Amino acid sequence: MVAVRNGFREPLSRETLFSWHRMLLGGTTGLRVGGWREGGDPMQVASGRIDRPTVHFEAPPSDAVP
């Protein structure tokens, strides 16, 4: 959080984005941490029940992002 607070006015570089990603999710298993998303599965921000989620955001397909 300190890195974000101190550097939020700087242009967001690939290195900074991946560094933040590793800081936030470094101990997580089952995710690709510190790299671009790959594959055909959608990336969604969702909440609610597993059988009836509310999707708040769906990212562009991974092949449309570097």
C-alpha atoms as a PDB file:
ATOM      1  CA  MET A   1       0.000   0.000   0.000  1.00  0.00           C
ATOM      2  CA  VAL A   2       2.911   2.345   0.689  1.00  0.00           C
ATOM      3  CA  ALA A   3       4.315   1.724  -2.800  1.00  0.00           C
ATOM      4  CA  VAL A   4       0.934   2.561  -4.347  1.00  0.00           C
ATOM      5  CA  ARG A   5       0.500   5.655  -2.197  1.00  0.00           C
ATOM      6  CA  ASN A   6       3.971   6.961  -2.955  1.00  0.00           C
ATOM      7  CA  GLY A   7       3.947   6.228  -6.675  1.00  0.00           C
ATOM      8  CA  PHE A   8       0.374   6.663  -7.878  1.00  0.00           C
ATOM      9  CA  ARG A   9       1.214   9.791  -9.910  1.00  0.00           C
ATOM     10  CA  GLU A  10       3.876   7.995 -11.945  1.00  0.00           C
ATOM     11  CA  PRO A  11       2.988   6.316 -15.234  1.00  0.00           C
ATOM     12  CA  LEU A  12       1.994   2.710 -14.617  1.00  0.00           C
ATOM     13  CA  SER A  13       4.719   0.550 -16.115  1.00  0.00           C
ATOM     14  CA  ARG A  14       4.600  -3.190 -16.669  1.00  0.00           C
ATOM     15  CA  GLU A  15       7.266  -3.647 -13.989  1.00  0.00           C
ATOM     16  CA  THR A  16       5.346  -1.586 -11.412  1.00  0.00           C
ATOM     17  CA  LEU A  17       2.068  -3.395 -12.130  1.00  0.00           C
ATOM     18  CA  PHE A  18       3.654  -6.830 -11.771  1.00  0.00           C
ATOM     19  CA  SER A  19       5.513  -5.737  -8.624  1.00  0.00           C
ATOM     20  CA  TRP A  20       2.237  -4.657  -7.014  1.00  0.00           C
ATOM     21  CA  HIS A  21       0.651  -7.927  -8.142  1.00  0.00           C
ATOM     22  CA  ARG A  22       3.422  -9.966  -6.501  1.00  0.00           C
ATOM     23  CA  MET A  23       3.175  -7.917  -3.280  1.00  0.00           C
ATOM     24  CA  LEU A  24      -0.591  -8.461  -3.053  1.00  0.00           C
ATOM     25  CA  LEU A  25      -0.810 -12.087  -4.192  1.00  0.00           C
ATOM     26  CA  GLY A  26       2.680 -13.518  -3.689  1.00  0.00           C
ATOM     27  CA  GLY A  27       1.585 -16.356  -1.402  1.00  0.00           C
ATOM     28  CA  THR A  28      -1.447 -17.345  -3.469  1.00  0.00           C
ATOM     29  CA  THR A  29      -1.553 -20.716  -5.189  1.00  0.00           C
ATOM     30  CA  GLY A  30      -3.421 -21.448  -8.390  1.00  0.00           C
ATOM     31  CA  LEU A  31      -2.909 -17.993  -9.895  1.00  0.00           C
ATOM     32  CA  ARG A  32      -0.303 -16.659 -12.273  1.00  0.00           C
ATOM     33  CA  VAL A  33       1.225 -13.886 -10.174  1.00  0.00           C
ATOM     34  CA  GLY A  34       3.314 -11.120 -11.714  1.00  0.00           C
ATOM     35  CA  GLY A  35       2.437 -11.789 -15.352  1.00  0.00           C
ATOM     36  CA  TRP A  36      -0.197 -11.215 -17.992  1.00  0.00           C
ATOM     37  CA  ARG A  37      -3.296 -13.362 -17.964  1.00  0.00           C
ATOM     38  CA  GLU A  38      -3.431 -16.174 -20.538  1.00  0.00           C
ATOM     39  CA  GLY A  39      -6.083 -18.535 -21.860  1.00  0.00           C
ATOM     40  CA  GLY A  40      -9.685 -18.232 -22.870  1.00  0.00           C
ATOM     41  CA  ASP A  41     -11.365 -18.078 -19.474  1.00  0.00           C
ATOM     42  CA  PRO A  42     -12.871 -14.685 -18.626  1.00  0.00           C
ATOM     43  CA  MET A  43     -11.506 -12.696 -15.703  1.00  0.00           C
ATOM     44  CA  GLN A  44     -14.413 -11.412 -13.670  1.00  0.00           C
ATOM     45  CA  VAL A  45     -14.938  -9.440 -10.494  1.00  0.00           C
ATOM     46  CA  ALA A  46     -17.968 -11.072  -8.923  1.00  0.00           C
ATOM     47  CA  SER A  47     -19.775 -11.361  -5.620  1.00  0.00           C
ATOM     48  CA  GLY A  48     -22.668 -13.330  -4.202  1.00  0.00           C
ATOM     49  CA  ARG A  49     -23.487 -16.995  -4.128  1.00  0.00           C
ATOM     50  CA  ILE A  50     -21.370 -19.417  -6.155  1.00  0.00           C
ATOM     51  CA  ASP A  51     -24.474 -20.640  -8.017  1.00  0.00           C
ATOM     52  CA  ARG A  52     -25.825 -17.110  -8.678  1.00  0.00           C
ATOM     53  CA  PRO A  53     -22.910 -14.685  -8.818  1.00  0.00           C
ATOM     54  CA  THR A  54     -23.292 -10.991  -9.573  1.00  0.00           C
ATOM     55  CA  VAL A  55     -20.629 -10.005 -12.121  1.00  0.00           C
ATOM     56  CA  HIS A  56     -19.478  -6.417 -11.534  1.00  0.00           C
ATOM     57  CA  PHE A  57     -16.751  -6.323 -14.187  1.00  0.00           C
ATOM     58  CA  GLU A  58     -15.418  -8.569 -16.940  1.00  0.00           C
ATOM     59  CA  ALA A  59     -11.953  -7.853 -18.305  1.00  0.00           C
ATOM     60  CA  PRO A  60     -11.163  -7.840 -22.016  1.00  0.00           C
ATOM     61  CA  PRO A  61     -10.132 -11.229 -23.454  1.00  0.00           C
ATOM     62  CA  SER A  62      -6.512 -12.124 -22.644  1.00  0.00           C
ATOM     63  CA  ASP A  63      -5.551 -12.110 -26.320  1.00  0.00           C
ATOM     64  CA  ALA A  64      -6.564  -8.418 -26.481  1.00  0.00           C
ATOM     65  CA  VAL A  65      -4.089  -7.490 -23.689  1.00  0.00           C
ATOM     66  CA  PRO A  66      -0.293  -7.723 -24.069  1.00  0.00           C
END
